[in-house]
């Protein structure tokens, strides 16, 4: 599907899954676009920081209201 220019969009806050299945990640906070990054150029800690708007070592309840949109190249 990637070769055909198609994408799959997944909404999740489970960062280990996000990192495992995505090529590109867009982060929304409070309904606003915060950033879009290539998965290969980021880490779960950076995504968590973007999600909650501050440094964090453990995801707080606050992050559960934020979502990450995945742009996943599908090899089907």
N, C-alpha and C. Protein backbone atom coordinates (compact mmCIF):
# COMPACT_ATOMS: atom_id res chain seq x y z
N UNK A 1 0.81 -1.19 0.00
CA UNK A 1 0.00 0.00 0.00
C UNK A 1 0.86 1.26 0.00
N UNK A 2 2.01 1.23 0.65
CA UNK A 2 2.87 2.41 0.70
C UNK A 2 3.31 2.81 -0.71
N UNK A 3 3.61 1.82 -1.51
CA UNK A 3 4.03 2.10 -2.88
C UNK A 3 2.92 2.74 -3.69
N UNK A 4 1.69 2.53 -3.27
CA UNK A 4 0.52 3.09 -3.95
C UNK A 4 0.14 4.44 -3.36
N UNK A 5 0.92 4.94 -2.38
CA UNK A 5 0.64 6.23 -1.77
C UNK A 5 -0.48 6.20 -0.75
N UNK A 6 -0.78 5.03 -0.22
CA UNK A 6 -1.86 4.90 0.76
C UNK A 6 -1.31 4.84 2.18
N UNK A 7 -2.11 5.25 3.11
CA UNK A 7 -1.73 5.26 4.52
C UNK A 7 -2.80 4.60 5.36
N UNK A 8 -2.40 4.16 6.53
CA UNK A 8 -3.33 3.68 7.53
C UNK A 8 -3.17 4.61 8.73
N UNK A 9 -4.27 5.12 9.24
CA UNK A 9 -4.23 6.02 10.39
C UNK A 9 -4.73 5.26 11.62
N UNK A 10 -3.90 5.26 12.65
CA UNK A 10 -4.22 4.61 13.92
C UNK A 10 -4.12 5.66 15.00
N UNK A 11 -5.07 5.68 15.92
CA UNK A 11 -5.02 6.63 17.03
C UNK A 11 -4.75 5.84 18.31
N UNK A 12 -3.67 6.22 19.02
CA UNK A 12 -3.27 5.47 20.21
C UNK A 12 -2.42 6.34 21.12
N UNK A 13 -2.39 5.98 22.40
CA UNK A 13 -1.46 6.60 23.33
C UNK A 13 -0.43 5.57 23.83
N UNK A 14 -0.46 4.38 23.26
CA UNK A 14 0.47 3.31 23.66
C UNK A 14 1.75 3.47 22.84
N UNK A 15 2.73 4.14 23.43
CA UNK A 15 3.90 4.56 22.69
C UNK A 15 4.77 3.41 22.19
N UNK A 16 4.82 2.29 22.88
CA UNK A 16 5.60 1.16 22.38
C UNK A 16 4.99 0.63 21.08
N UNK A 17 3.66 0.60 21.01
CA UNK A 17 2.99 0.18 19.78
C UNK A 17 3.18 1.22 18.68
N UNK A 18 3.12 2.48 19.04
CA UNK A 18 3.33 3.56 18.08
C UNK A 18 4.70 3.41 17.42
N UNK A 19 5.72 3.21 18.23
CA UNK A 19 7.08 3.08 17.70
C UNK A 19 7.25 1.82 16.85
N UNK A 20 6.53 0.77 17.19
CA UNK A 20 6.69 -0.51 16.48
C UNK A 20 6.05 -0.53 15.10
N UNK A 21 4.97 0.22 14.91
CA UNK A 21 4.22 0.06 13.65
C UNK A 21 4.20 1.30 12.75
N UNK A 22 4.81 2.39 13.18
CA UNK A 22 4.67 3.62 12.39
C UNK A 22 5.95 4.02 11.67
N UNK A 23 5.76 4.79 10.61
CA UNK A 23 6.87 5.44 9.91
C UNK A 23 6.92 6.92 10.27
N UNK A 24 5.73 7.47 10.54
CA UNK A 24 5.60 8.89 10.86
C UNK A 24 4.53 9.04 11.92
N UNK A 25 4.73 10.00 12.83
CA UNK A 25 3.81 10.20 13.93
C UNK A 25 3.42 11.67 14.01
N UNK A 26 2.12 11.92 14.13
CA UNK A 26 1.63 13.27 14.39
C UNK A 26 1.03 13.28 15.79
N UNK A 27 1.39 14.29 16.57
CA UNK A 27 0.92 14.40 17.95
C UNK A 27 -0.08 15.55 18.03
N UNK A 28 -1.24 15.26 18.65
CA UNK A 28 -2.25 16.27 18.91
C UNK A 28 -2.36 16.45 20.42
N UNK A 29 -2.46 17.71 20.87
CA UNK A 29 -2.68 18.00 22.28
C UNK A 29 -3.78 19.05 22.36
N UNK A 30 -4.80 18.76 23.15
CA UNK A 30 -5.94 19.67 23.28
C UNK A 30 -6.58 19.96 21.92
N UNK A 31 -6.60 18.95 21.06
CA UNK A 31 -7.23 19.09 19.75
C UNK A 31 -6.43 19.86 18.73
N UNK A 32 -5.18 20.20 19.06
CA UNK A 32 -4.34 20.98 18.14
C UNK A 32 -3.11 20.18 17.75
N UNK A 33 -2.70 20.33 16.50
CA UNK A 33 -1.50 19.66 16.00
C UNK A 33 -0.27 20.26 16.68
N UNK A 34 0.55 19.39 17.29
CA UNK A 34 1.75 19.83 17.99
C UNK A 34 2.99 19.59 17.13
N UNK A 35 3.08 18.39 16.53
CA UNK A 35 4.27 18.05 15.75
C UNK A 35 3.99 16.82 14.90
N UNK A 36 4.76 16.70 13.83
CA UNK A 36 4.82 15.48 13.04
C UNK A 36 6.29 15.12 12.92
N UNK A 37 6.64 13.90 13.29
CA UNK A 37 8.04 13.46 13.26
C UNK A 37 8.14 12.08 12.62
N UNK A 38 9.29 11.81 12.02
CA UNK A 38 9.56 10.47 11.53
C UNK A 38 9.89 9.59 12.73
N UNK A 39 9.33 8.41 12.76
CA UNK A 39 9.54 7.50 13.89
C UNK A 39 11.02 7.21 14.08
N UNK A 40 11.76 7.09 13.00
CA UNK A 40 13.19 6.78 13.10
C UNK A 40 13.99 7.92 13.73
N UNK A 41 13.41 9.12 13.80
CA UNK A 41 14.11 10.27 14.36
C UNK A 41 13.61 10.67 15.74
N UNK A 42 12.82 9.81 16.39
CA UNK A 42 12.27 10.16 17.70
C UNK A 42 12.34 8.96 18.63
N UNK A 43 11.83 9.13 19.83
CA UNK A 43 11.80 8.07 20.83
C UNK A 43 10.53 8.23 21.66
N UNK A 44 10.15 7.21 22.42
CA UNK A 44 8.94 7.32 23.23
C UNK A 44 8.96 8.50 24.21
N UNK A 45 10.14 8.81 24.74
CA UNK A 45 10.24 9.92 25.68
C UNK A 45 9.92 11.26 25.01
N UNK A 46 10.39 11.44 23.79
CA UNK A 46 10.09 12.66 23.05
C UNK A 46 8.61 12.75 22.71
N UNK A 47 8.02 11.64 22.30
CA UNK A 47 6.59 11.63 22.01
C UNK A 47 5.78 11.96 23.26
N UNK A 48 6.19 11.42 24.40
CA UNK A 48 5.50 11.72 25.67
C UNK A 48 5.61 13.20 25.99
N UNK A 49 6.79 13.79 25.78
CA UNK A 49 6.97 15.22 26.03
C UNK A 49 6.06 16.04 25.14
N UNK A 50 5.96 15.67 23.88
CA UNK A 50 5.07 16.38 22.95
C UNK A 50 3.61 16.22 23.36
N UNK A 51 3.26 15.03 23.84
CA UNK A 51 1.86 14.77 24.22
C UNK A 51 1.42 15.60 25.41
N UNK A 52 2.27 15.72 26.44
CA UNK A 52 1.85 16.39 27.66
C UNK A 52 2.35 17.84 27.76
N UNK A 53 3.26 18.23 26.89
CA UNK A 53 3.73 19.61 26.86
C UNK A 53 4.80 19.93 27.88
N UNK A 54 5.43 18.91 28.45
CA UNK A 54 6.52 19.12 29.41
C UNK A 54 7.33 17.83 29.50
N UNK A 55 8.50 17.94 30.12
CA UNK A 55 9.34 16.76 30.33
C UNK A 55 8.65 15.81 31.29
N UNK A 56 8.76 14.53 31.02
CA UNK A 56 8.17 13.52 31.90
C UNK A 56 8.93 12.22 31.76
N UNK A 57 9.10 11.51 32.85
CA UNK A 57 9.76 10.20 32.79
C UNK A 57 8.74 9.08 32.82
N UNK A 58 7.56 9.38 33.35
CA UNK A 58 6.48 8.42 33.40
C UNK A 58 5.23 9.13 32.90
N UNK A 59 4.49 8.47 32.03
CA UNK A 59 3.27 9.10 31.52
C UNK A 59 2.25 9.27 32.64
N UNK A 60 1.73 10.45 32.75
CA UNK A 60 0.73 10.74 33.77
C UNK A 60 -0.67 10.52 33.22
N UNK A 61 -1.67 10.64 34.08
CA UNK A 61 -3.06 10.55 33.63
C UNK A 61 -3.36 11.59 32.57
N UNK A 62 -2.69 12.74 32.66
CA UNK A 62 -2.91 13.83 31.71
C UNK A 62 -2.67 13.36 30.28
N UNK A 63 -1.69 12.49 30.07
CA UNK A 63 -1.36 12.05 28.72
C UNK A 63 -2.44 11.16 28.12
N UNK A 64 -3.29 10.59 28.95
CA UNK A 64 -4.32 9.71 28.44
C UNK A 64 -5.37 10.45 27.63
N UNK A 65 -5.43 11.75 27.75
CA UNK A 65 -6.38 12.54 26.98
C UNK A 65 -5.78 12.99 25.65
N UNK A 66 -4.52 12.66 25.42
CA UNK A 66 -3.84 13.03 24.19
C UNK A 66 -3.72 11.81 23.30
N UNK A 67 -3.68 12.04 22.01
CA UNK A 67 -3.62 10.93 21.08
C UNK A 67 -2.51 11.15 20.07
N UNK A 68 -1.96 10.07 19.59
CA UNK A 68 -0.95 10.10 18.56
C UNK A 68 -1.58 9.51 17.31
N UNK A 69 -1.45 10.19 16.20
CA UNK A 69 -1.94 9.68 14.93
C UNK A 69 -0.76 9.08 14.18
N UNK A 70 -0.90 7.84 13.77
CA UNK A 70 0.16 7.15 13.07
C UNK A 70 -0.07 7.16 11.58
N UNK A 71 0.96 7.42 10.83
CA UNK A 71 0.93 7.26 9.39
C UNK A 71 1.80 6.04 9.11
N UNK A 72 1.18 4.95 8.81
CA UNK A 72 1.85 3.66 8.75
C UNK A 72 1.92 3.21 7.30
N UNK A 73 3.13 2.97 6.81
CA UNK A 73 3.28 2.41 5.49
C UNK A 73 2.99 0.93 5.58
N UNK A 74 2.03 0.50 4.83
CA UNK A 74 1.61 -0.90 4.90
C UNK A 74 2.27 -1.69 3.78
N UNK A 75 2.92 -2.77 4.12
CA UNK A 75 3.61 -3.60 3.14
C UNK A 75 2.73 -4.68 2.55
N UNK A 76 1.42 -4.50 2.56
CA UNK A 76 0.50 -5.51 2.04
C UNK A 76 0.51 -5.48 0.53
